[in-house]
Amino acid sequence: MFKDQEKVLSFQLTSNPNFTVRTPESVKHATAKHEDPKPKPKGGFLSRLKELDPKISAANAPLYYEALTDVARDVQYYAEVEIGSNMQKFRLDLDTGSSDLWVADITCKTRRRRFIKANSTTFKPVKGKFQISYGDGSAVKGFLGQDRVNVGGLVIEDQVIGLATAQSLSFSNDVIDGILGLGFNTISCMPGTLTPVDNMIKQNLIQSPIFSVWLGRSTDGGGGEYRFGSYDPERIDGELTWCPVTVKRYWQIKCDGLFFGNVDLQLASDVIVDTGTTLVILPTEVAKAIHSHIPGSYYDENNGWIVPNTPEIANLPGFQLLLSGTKFDVVMKDLMREEVEGKDGFVYSGIASSDRITTWILGDVFIKQNYCVFDLGQERVGIAKCKHPIRAQPSILEQMKVDAVATPNRGKGTAQKCLIM
């Protein structure tokens, strides 16, 4: 299995039952995020990743992973990340659809969890400001700093962080405290900075320039897991299919075909694998083509695509995407979401449509069914069908026993925390 098991770090986390599901709002945010982004100047760091040893087996690399909390019905996943010398804890959305790390500064009055730079002896000011605006009206802005960041036991030194002094109401009401971007640094809103994964590689914290993600279903116990420098072969069914990145901004790959069951819909496009988006978001005509095979589904002006909540619909095959010669499923149980208020017998569809995008967005609805490995060194995405469920998250007592053995000493390159609740 894995080498160096003594370096394992895990967190036992539970779902947040108080989060309100907001499918329409998640559509607005995701479509705005992926509207024809302007490419940033190319840096020299990613080109050097190819020089890393290609013989290292990612499946056998030292194990560092970050467990996730599954919010509501798989609407959002977050991980506890520590920032600063005094390990200030934040719930961050690990997002392959963006490339910046930001949290609220102590001067931001609309958040409960805020970073107190005066309490961290490792904090360094950085000249410059940042601002991120979205087409749905949400925004965040503030100033920059550098500090220590602990992600899954990997302690990154001098990571550039955006410290938000102001946030729009949609962010202020969110269960997450900020975002940790996992996209290419070419789309960073903090130009010239390295992303957290860039720094993991540069600081020799991981042996292989990859990370991987498994997202659990709330119906199977929820949770999820990111691994840095490795992937988990026990969570995949069969072999990984490797898909080259077509445009080095997001994790964008080519889809050669779209099917509903055995029906070829005669459609193809580039797609973006985005852990920061809940749904699958498609141009209107593509969404129409899929929903035409779901009897009784229709587009509601107030709620978007909705589908009947019946056993017959639940037994439909769902749709498939052809990626590098392999078909990958999105099953109906992931396409049938929360009930639509005022529409008895209907639930939100896991597919949303927008004419503001041309590239298809494969959010968590896709990733829950398909394990994904993101390879910065060879600029590709590996995908395989998930095994669901293969093992439960360990109990609190079990994990405390494991971590007590795994982390007898605290220090750089080893696990930094036994348990976070």
Protein backbone atom coordinates (compact mmCIF):
# COMPACT_ATOMS: atom_id res chain seq x y z
CA MET A 1 0.00 0.00 0.00
CA PHE A 2 1.51 3.36 0.99
CA LYS A 3 5.00 3.95 2.25
CA ASP A 4 5.78 6.11 5.28
CA GLN A 5 2.42 5.52 6.93
CA GLU A 6 3.73 7.26 10.06
CA LYS A 7 3.19 10.57 8.24
CA VAL A 8 -0.55 10.11 7.91
CA LEU A 9 -2.70 12.97 9.14
CA SER A 10 -6.47 12.79 9.29
CA PHE A 11 -9.34 14.80 10.65
CA GLN A 12 -12.67 13.44 11.83
CA LEU A 13 -15.28 15.90 10.61
CA THR A 14 -19.06 16.04 10.51
CA SER A 15 -21.62 17.71 8.27
CA ASN A 16 -22.99 21.14 9.14
CA PRO A 17 -26.78 20.65 9.56
CA ASN A 18 -27.58 24.37 9.68
CA PHE A 19 -26.50 25.34 6.17
CA THR A 20 -29.27 26.45 3.80
CA VAL A 21 -29.21 24.84 0.35
CA ARG A 22 -29.12 27.52 -2.35
CA THR A 23 -28.98 25.86 -5.78
CA PRO A 24 -29.97 28.96 -7.83
CA GLU A 25 -27.32 31.11 -6.12
CA SER A 26 -24.63 28.49 -6.72
CA VAL A 27 -25.47 28.61 -10.44
CA LYS A 28 -25.00 32.38 -10.61
CA HIS A 29 -21.67 32.24 -8.81
CA ALA A 30 -20.28 29.41 -10.92
CA THR A 31 -21.26 30.86 -14.28
CA ALA A 32 -19.77 34.22 -13.34
CA LYS A 33 -16.53 32.58 -12.25
CA HIS A 34 -16.03 30.87 -15.61
CA GLU A 35 -16.94 33.68 -17.99
CA ASP A 36 -14.12 33.91 -20.57
CA PRO A 37 -11.28 34.76 -18.13
CA LYS A 38 -8.43 36.91 -19.37
CA PRO A 39 -5.18 34.94 -19.45
CA LYS A 40 -2.44 36.16 -17.13
CA PRO A 41 1.26 36.33 -18.10
CA LYS A 42 2.95 32.94 -17.99
CA GLY A 43 5.32 32.31 -15.12
CA GLY A 44 8.39 30.11 -15.16
CA PHE A 45 7.56 27.94 -12.16
CA LEU A 46 5.14 25.42 -13.69
CA SER A 47 7.43 24.74 -16.63
CA ARG A 48 10.05 23.47 -14.17
CA LEU A 49 7.72 20.82 -12.78
CA LYS A 50 8.54 18.52 -15.70
CA GLU A 51 12.05 18.25 -14.27
CA LEU A 52 10.76 16.37 -11.22
CA ASP A 53 11.38 12.63 -11.16
CA PRO A 54 8.63 11.04 -13.34
CA LYS A 55 9.38 7.58 -11.90
CA ILE A 56 7.89 8.43 -8.52
CA SER A 57 4.69 6.44 -8.05
CA ALA A 58 1.95 8.78 -6.90
CA ALA A 59 0.04 5.84 -5.47
CA ASN A 60 2.99 5.00 -3.22
CA ALA A 61 4.14 8.47 -2.21
CA PRO A 62 4.23 9.60 1.44
CA LEU A 63 0.67 10.28 2.48
CA TYR A 64 -0.66 13.72 3.39
CA TYR A 65 -4.36 14.27 3.23
CA GLU A 66 -7.02 16.74 4.27
CA ALA A 67 -10.45 15.43 5.21
CA LEU A 68 -13.54 17.42 4.24
CA THR A 69 -16.86 18.34 5.78
CA ASP A 70 -19.84 17.76 3.48
CA VAL A 71 -22.32 20.63 3.93
CA ALA A 72 -26.08 19.99 3.58
CA ARG A 73 -26.81 17.73 0.60
CA ASP A 74 -23.34 17.88 -0.97
CA VAL A 75 -23.78 21.60 -1.65
CA GLN A 76 -20.33 22.46 -0.42
CA TYR A 77 -17.26 20.79 1.07
CA TYR A 78 -14.73 22.44 3.32
CA ALA A 79 -11.56 21.57 5.22
CA GLU A 80 -10.01 23.00 8.36
CA VAL A 81 -6.74 24.76 7.47
CA GLU A 82 -4.39 26.41 9.97
CA ILE A 83 -2.70 29.75 9.30
CA GLY A 84 0.01 31.48 11.33
CA SER A 85 2.45 30.47 14.04
CA ASN A 86 -0.44 30.09 16.48
CA MET A 87 -2.40 27.86 14.06
CA GLN A 88 -5.53 29.95 13.59
CA LYS A 89 -8.20 27.66 12.12
CA PHE A 90 -10.32 28.43 9.07
CA ARG A 91 -12.92 26.50 7.11
CA LEU A 92 -11.75 26.78 3.52
CA ASP A 93 -13.30 25.73 0.24
CA LEU A 94 -10.55 23.87 -1.65
CA ASP A 95 -11.34 25.07 -5.14
CA THR A 96 -9.78 23.81 -8.39
CA GLY A 97 -11.67 26.59 -10.19
CA SER A 98 -9.60 29.41 -8.67
CA SER A 99 -5.99 29.99 -7.65
CA ASP A 100 -5.91 32.33 -4.65
CA LEU A 101 -5.91 31.80 -0.89
CA TRP A 102 -7.90 34.33 1.12
CA VAL A 103 -9.55 34.62 4.52
CA ALA A 104 -11.09 37.49 6.47
CA ASP A 105 -8.81 39.95 8.23
CA ILE A 106 -9.54 41.03 11.81
CA THR A 107 -10.79 44.37 10.44
CA CYS A 108 -13.56 42.64 8.45
CA LYS A 109 -16.66 43.23 10.56
CA THR A 110 -18.96 40.76 8.78
CA ARG A 111 -17.17 37.52 9.73
CA ARG A 112 -16.87 35.58 12.97
CA ARG A 113 -13.61 33.80 12.09
CA ARG A 114 -10.96 36.36 11.23
CA PHE A 115 -7.20 36.25 10.93
CA ILE A 116 -5.38 38.16 13.67
CA LYS A 117 -1.97 38.91 12.17
CA ALA A 118 -0.67 40.41 15.43
CA ASN A 119 -0.96 36.99 17.05
CA SER A 120 1.26 35.27 14.48
CA THR A 121 5.02 35.70 14.83
CA THR A 122 5.55 34.36 11.30
CA PHE A 123 3.33 36.93 9.55
CA LYS A 124 4.98 39.27 7.04
CA PRO A 125 3.30 42.18 5.26
CA VAL A 126 3.32 42.17 1.46
CA LYS A 127 2.94 45.29 -0.65
CA GLY A 128 -0.24 45.21 -2.68
CA LYS A 129 -3.99 44.74 -2.55
CA PHE A 130 -6.40 42.25 -4.06
CA GLN A 131 -9.99 42.34 -5.22
CA ILE A 132 -12.15 39.56 -6.63
CA SER A 133 -15.53 40.41 -8.16
CA TYR A 134 -18.12 38.02 -9.55
CA GLY A 135 -20.90 38.55 -12.09
CA ASP A 136 -23.55 37.69 -9.50
CA GLY A 137 -22.62 40.80 -7.53
CA SER A 138 -20.52 39.12 -4.85
CA ALA A 139 -17.06 40.46 -4.14
CA VAL A 140 -14.15 40.40 -1.71
CA LYS A 141 -11.26 42.81 -1.31
CA GLY A 142 -8.37 43.50 1.02
CA PHE A 143 -4.59 43.47 1.32
CA LEU A 144 -1.82 40.87 1.04
CA GLY A 145 0.43 39.18 3.55
CA GLN A 146 2.64 36.11 3.94
CA ASP A 147 2.45 33.44 6.61
CA ARG A 148 2.73 29.78 7.48
CA VAL A 149 -0.14 27.60 6.22
CA ASN A 150 -0.80 24.04 7.37
CA VAL A 151 -2.75 21.99 4.84
CA GLY A 152 -3.21 18.35 5.77
CA GLY A 153 0.04 18.27 7.75
CA LEU A 154 2.06 20.00 5.05
CA VAL A 155 3.45 23.22 6.52
CA ILE A 156 3.95 25.82 3.79
CA GLU A 157 6.21 28.72 4.73
CA ASP A 158 5.70 32.28 3.46
CA GLN A 159 2.50 31.58 1.54
CA VAL A 160 0.93 34.74 0.08
CA ILE A 161 -2.54 35.21 1.55
CA GLY A 162 -5.30 37.66 0.74
CA LEU A 163 -6.69 39.20 3.92
CA ALA A 164 -10.18 40.46 3.22
CA THR A 165 -11.24 43.71 4.83
CA ALA A 166 -14.64 43.70 3.12
CA GLN A 167 -16.91 40.99 1.72
CA SER A 168 -20.31 41.02 0.07
CA LEU A 169 -23.25 39.64 2.02
CA SER A 170 -23.25 36.31 0.15
CA PHE A 171 -19.73 35.56 1.42
CA SER A 172 -20.48 36.90 4.89
CA ASN A 173 -23.40 34.48 5.29
CA ASP A 174 -21.47 31.49 3.95
CA VAL A 175 -20.41 28.56 6.14
CA ILE A 176 -16.87 28.79 4.74
CA ASP A 177 -14.30 31.30 5.96
CA GLY A 178 -12.43 31.66 2.70
CA ILE A 179 -11.06 29.89 -0.36
CA LEU A 180 -7.89 27.95 -1.06
CA GLY A 181 -7.40 27.89 -4.83
CA LEU A 182 -5.97 24.80 -6.53
CA GLY A 183 -6.03 26.05 -10.13
CA PHE A 184 -3.04 27.13 -12.23
CA ASN A 185 -1.37 30.35 -11.11
CA THR A 186 -2.14 31.91 -14.52
CA ILE A 187 -5.63 32.82 -13.25
CA SER A 188 -4.52 34.23 -9.90
CA CYS A 189 -5.92 37.60 -8.88
CA MET A 190 -2.64 38.10 -7.02
CA PRO A 191 -0.25 38.14 -10.01
CA GLY A 192 3.28 36.87 -9.51
CA THR A 193 2.42 34.71 -6.50
CA LEU A 194 2.69 30.94 -6.17
CA THR A 195 -0.38 28.94 -5.24
CA PRO A 196 -0.31 26.70 -2.15
CA VAL A 197 0.33 23.61 -4.29
CA ASP A 198 3.07 25.44 -6.21
CA ASN A 199 4.75 26.11 -2.88
CA MET A 200 4.28 22.53 -1.69
CA ILE A 201 6.30 21.49 -4.72
CA LYS A 202 8.88 24.29 -4.54
CA GLN A 203 9.50 23.67 -0.83
CA ASN A 204 9.87 19.90 -1.42
CA LEU A 205 6.93 19.06 0.80
CA ILE A 206 5.53 16.50 -1.66
CA GLN A 207 7.42 14.07 -3.86
CA SER A 208 5.01 14.05 -6.79
CA PRO A 209 3.49 17.26 -8.23
CA ILE A 210 -0.10 16.06 -7.94
CA PHE A 211 -3.13 16.23 -5.69
CA SER A 212 -6.32 14.20 -5.76
CA VAL A 213 -9.89 14.46 -4.54
CA TRP A 214 -12.65 12.13 -3.43
CA LEU A 215 -16.03 13.64 -2.53
CA GLY A 216 -18.48 11.61 -0.48
CA ARG A 217 -22.25 11.66 -0.77
CA SER A 218 -24.38 12.77 2.16
CA THR A 219 -26.47 9.63 1.61
CA ASP A 220 -23.34 7.51 2.13
CA GLY A 221 -22.14 9.38 5.21
CA GLY A 222 -20.78 12.48 3.50
CA GLY A 223 -17.23 13.67 3.99
CA GLY A 224 -14.46 13.76 1.45
CA GLU A 225 -10.72 13.83 1.14
CA TYR A 226 -7.90 15.65 -0.63
CA ARG A 227 -4.49 14.02 -0.93
CA PHE A 228 -1.37 15.99 -1.75
CA GLY A 229 1.49 14.29 -3.58
CA SER A 230 -0.49 11.07 -3.99
CA TYR A 231 -3.83 9.44 -4.75
CA ASP A 232 -5.70 6.57 -3.13
CA PRO A 233 -5.91 3.44 -5.34
CA GLU A 234 -8.42 1.92 -2.91
CA ARG A 235 -10.97 4.57 -3.82
CA ILE A 236 -10.92 3.94 -7.58
CA ASP A 237 -12.60 1.26 -9.65
CA GLY A 238 -10.25 0.24 -12.47
CA GLU A 239 -7.48 2.34 -13.97
CA LEU A 240 -7.10 6.10 -14.19
CA THR A 241 -7.82 7.65 -17.58
CA TRP A 242 -5.44 10.56 -18.20
CA CYS A 243 -6.82 13.63 -19.99
CA PRO A 244 -4.41 16.37 -21.17
CA VAL A 245 -5.13 19.94 -20.10
CA THR A 246 -6.13 21.93 -23.19
CA VAL A 247 -5.88 25.45 -21.75
CA LYS A 248 -3.63 26.08 -18.74
CA ARG A 249 -5.94 28.33 -16.76
CA TYR A 250 -8.44 26.02 -15.12
CA TRP A 251 -8.25 22.22 -15.12
CA GLN A 252 -9.72 22.20 -18.61
CA ILE A 253 -9.83 19.01 -20.70
CA LYS A 254 -11.56 17.80 -23.86
CA CYS A 255 -14.88 15.93 -23.87
CA ASP A 256 -15.34 14.00 -27.12
CA GLY A 257 -18.96 12.96 -26.64
CA LEU A 258 -22.11 13.17 -24.53
CA PHE A 259 -24.59 10.34 -24.04
CA PHE A 260 -27.81 9.68 -22.15
CA GLY A 261 -27.89 5.96 -21.57
CA ASN A 262 -27.28 4.46 -24.99
CA VAL A 263 -28.33 7.61 -26.88
CA ASP A 264 -25.53 9.62 -28.48
CA LEU A 265 -26.46 13.29 -28.10
CA GLN A 266 -23.90 14.28 -30.77
CA LEU A 267 -22.32 16.97 -28.60
CA ALA A 268 -18.74 17.69 -27.53
CA SER A 269 -16.80 20.49 -25.85
CA ASP A 270 -13.94 21.37 -23.56
CA VAL A 271 -14.89 20.86 -19.90
CA ILE A 272 -13.54 22.27 -16.62
CA VAL A 273 -13.24 20.02 -13.56
CA ASP A 274 -14.17 22.39 -10.73
CA THR A 275 -14.39 21.31 -7.08
CA GLY A 276 -15.61 24.79 -6.15
CA THR A 277 -18.85 24.40 -8.12
CA THR A 278 -21.73 22.30 -6.80
CA LEU A 279 -23.49 21.47 -10.08
CA VAL A 280 -22.77 20.55 -13.68
CA ILE A 281 -23.27 23.78 -15.64
CA LEU A 282 -23.84 23.64 -19.38
CA PRO A 283 -24.86 25.93 -22.23
CA THR A 284 -28.66 26.03 -22.59
CA GLU A 285 -28.88 23.83 -25.69
CA VAL A 286 -26.76 21.12 -24.06
CA ALA A 287 -28.85 21.19 -20.88
CA LYS A 288 -32.00 20.94 -23.01
CA ALA A 289 -30.63 17.91 -24.83
CA ILE A 290 -30.03 16.04 -21.55
CA HIS A 291 -33.32 17.02 -19.89
CA SER A 292 -35.26 15.97 -22.99
CA HIS A 293 -34.51 12.40 -21.90
CA ILE A 294 -35.85 12.99 -18.37
CA PRO A 295 -39.67 12.81 -18.67
CA GLY A 296 -41.51 15.63 -16.92
CA SER A 297 -38.42 17.79 -16.40
CA TYR A 298 -38.59 21.41 -17.48
CA TYR A 299 -36.95 24.80 -17.11
CA ASP A 300 -38.66 27.01 -14.52
CA GLU A 301 -37.97 30.73 -14.80
CA ASN A 302 -37.57 31.11 -11.04
CA ASN A 303 -35.79 27.87 -10.19
CA GLY A 304 -33.93 26.69 -13.27
CA TRP A 305 -34.10 23.05 -14.34
CA ILE A 306 -36.31 20.87 -12.15
CA VAL A 307 -37.16 17.17 -12.42
CA PRO A 308 -39.97 14.98 -11.03
CA ASN A 309 -39.12 13.30 -7.74
CA THR A 310 -40.32 9.80 -8.62
CA PRO A 311 -38.86 6.27 -8.52
CA GLU A 312 -39.17 6.05 -12.31
CA ILE A 313 -36.95 9.10 -12.79
CA ALA A 314 -34.49 7.85 -10.16
CA ASN A 315 -34.07 4.62 -12.15
CA LEU A 316 -32.99 6.39 -15.35
CA PRO A 317 -29.35 5.83 -16.39
CA GLY A 318 -28.18 9.45 -16.17
CA PHE A 319 -25.68 10.86 -18.67
CA GLN A 320 -22.15 9.96 -19.67
CA LEU A 321 -19.16 11.99 -20.86
CA LEU A 322 -16.54 10.55 -23.20
CA LEU A 323 -13.13 11.64 -21.92
CA SER A 324 -9.95 10.37 -23.60
CA GLY A 325 -11.78 7.30 -24.89
CA THR A 326 -13.53 6.36 -21.62
CA LYS A 327 -17.14 7.01 -20.64
CA PHE A 328 -17.76 8.49 -17.19
CA ASP A 329 -21.20 8.49 -15.57
CA VAL A 330 -23.23 11.12 -13.80
CA VAL A 331 -25.99 9.04 -12.20
CA MET A 332 -29.56 10.15 -11.51
CA LYS A 333 -29.21 10.05 -7.73
CA ASP A 334 -26.66 12.86 -8.08
CA LEU A 335 -28.88 14.75 -10.53
CA MET A 336 -31.90 14.73 -8.18
CA ARG A 337 -31.23 17.35 -5.52
CA GLU A 338 -33.27 19.18 -2.85
CA GLU A 339 -37.03 19.75 -3.10
CA VAL A 340 -38.20 22.88 -4.90
CA GLU A 341 -40.22 25.13 -2.63
CA GLY A 342 -43.72 25.66 -4.01
CA LYS A 343 -43.33 22.87 -6.58
CA ASP A 344 -44.65 19.72 -4.95
CA GLY A 345 -43.19 16.55 -6.39
CA PHE A 346 -40.19 18.28 -7.98
CA VAL A 347 -36.52 18.56 -7.05
CA TYR A 348 -33.74 20.74 -8.41
CA SER A 349 -31.72 19.20 -11.19
CA GLY A 350 -27.99 18.70 -10.71
CA ILE A 351 -27.61 20.35 -14.12
CA ALA A 352 -27.89 24.09 -14.61
CA SER A 353 -27.76 26.06 -17.83
CA SER A 354 -26.28 29.39 -18.83
CA ASP A 355 -25.60 31.10 -22.13
CA ARG A 356 -22.81 33.10 -20.48
CA ILE A 357 -20.40 30.17 -20.73
CA THR A 358 -19.11 28.13 -23.64
CA THR A 359 -16.98 25.59 -21.74
CA TRP A 360 -18.89 22.96 -19.75
CA ILE A 361 -18.30 22.99 -15.98
CA LEU A 362 -18.10 19.65 -14.18
CA GLY A 363 -18.69 20.43 -10.53
CA ASP A 364 -19.18 18.22 -7.49
CA VAL A 365 -22.14 16.41 -9.09
CA PHE A 366 -19.60 14.86 -11.48
CA ILE A 367 -16.74 14.45 -9.00
CA LYS A 368 -18.84 12.49 -6.47
CA GLN A 369 -19.05 9.69 -9.02
CA ASN A 370 -15.54 10.04 -10.40
CA TYR A 371 -12.22 10.19 -8.51
CA CYS A 372 -9.96 12.94 -9.89
CA VAL A 373 -6.18 13.34 -9.84
CA PHE A 374 -4.68 16.70 -10.85
CA ASP A 375 -1.14 16.49 -12.22
CA LEU A 376 0.68 19.84 -12.47
CA GLY A 377 3.91 18.25 -13.69
CA GLN A 378 2.41 16.71 -16.82
CA GLU A 379 -0.56 19.10 -17.06
CA ARG A 380 -3.28 16.46 -17.08
CA VAL A 381 -6.25 15.18 -15.10
CA GLY A 382 -6.62 11.51 -14.18
CA ILE A 383 -10.19 10.24 -13.74
CA ALA A 384 -11.59 6.90 -12.59
CA LYS A 385 -14.94 5.69 -11.33
CA CYS A 386 -15.19 5.94 -7.54
CA LYS A 387 -15.82 3.04 -5.24
CA HIS A 388 -18.75 4.08 -2.99
CA PRO A 389 -18.56 3.67 -0.08
CA ILE A 390 -15.39 1.73 0.64
CA ARG A 391 -14.75 2.69 4.24
CA ALA A 392 -16.26 4.83 6.92
CA GLN A 393 -14.56 7.85 8.40
CA PRO A 394 -12.84 6.71 11.64
CA SER A 395 -14.49 7.46 14.94
CA ILE A 396 -13.06 10.26 17.07
CA LEU A 397 -11.49 7.84 19.56
CA GLU A 398 -10.08 5.63 16.79
CA GLN A 399 -8.51 8.61 15.05
CA MET A 400 -7.02 10.03 18.23
CA LYS A 401 -5.29 6.67 18.78
CA VAL A 402 -3.97 6.62 15.20
CA ASP A 403 -2.73 10.20 15.33
CA ALA A 404 -1.13 9.77 18.74
CA VAL A 405 1.06 7.06 17.23
CA ALA A 406 1.53 8.81 13.89
CA THR A 407 2.64 12.19 15.24
CA PRO A 408 4.79 11.75 18.35
CA ASN A 409 6.74 14.90 17.46
CA ARG A 410 5.50 18.09 15.88
CA GLY A 411 7.56 19.70 13.17
CA LYS A 412 7.83 20.75 9.58
CA GLY A 413 6.96 17.98 7.17
CA THR A 414 5.01 15.97 9.74
CA ALA A 415 1.41 16.05 10.90
CA GLN A 416 0.68 19.21 12.84
CA LYS A 417 -2.63 18.39 14.48
CA CYS A 418 -4.21 15.22 15.78
CA LEU A 419 -7.84 16.22 15.57
CA ILE A 420 -9.96 19.13 14.47
CA MET A 421 -13.67 19.25 15.18
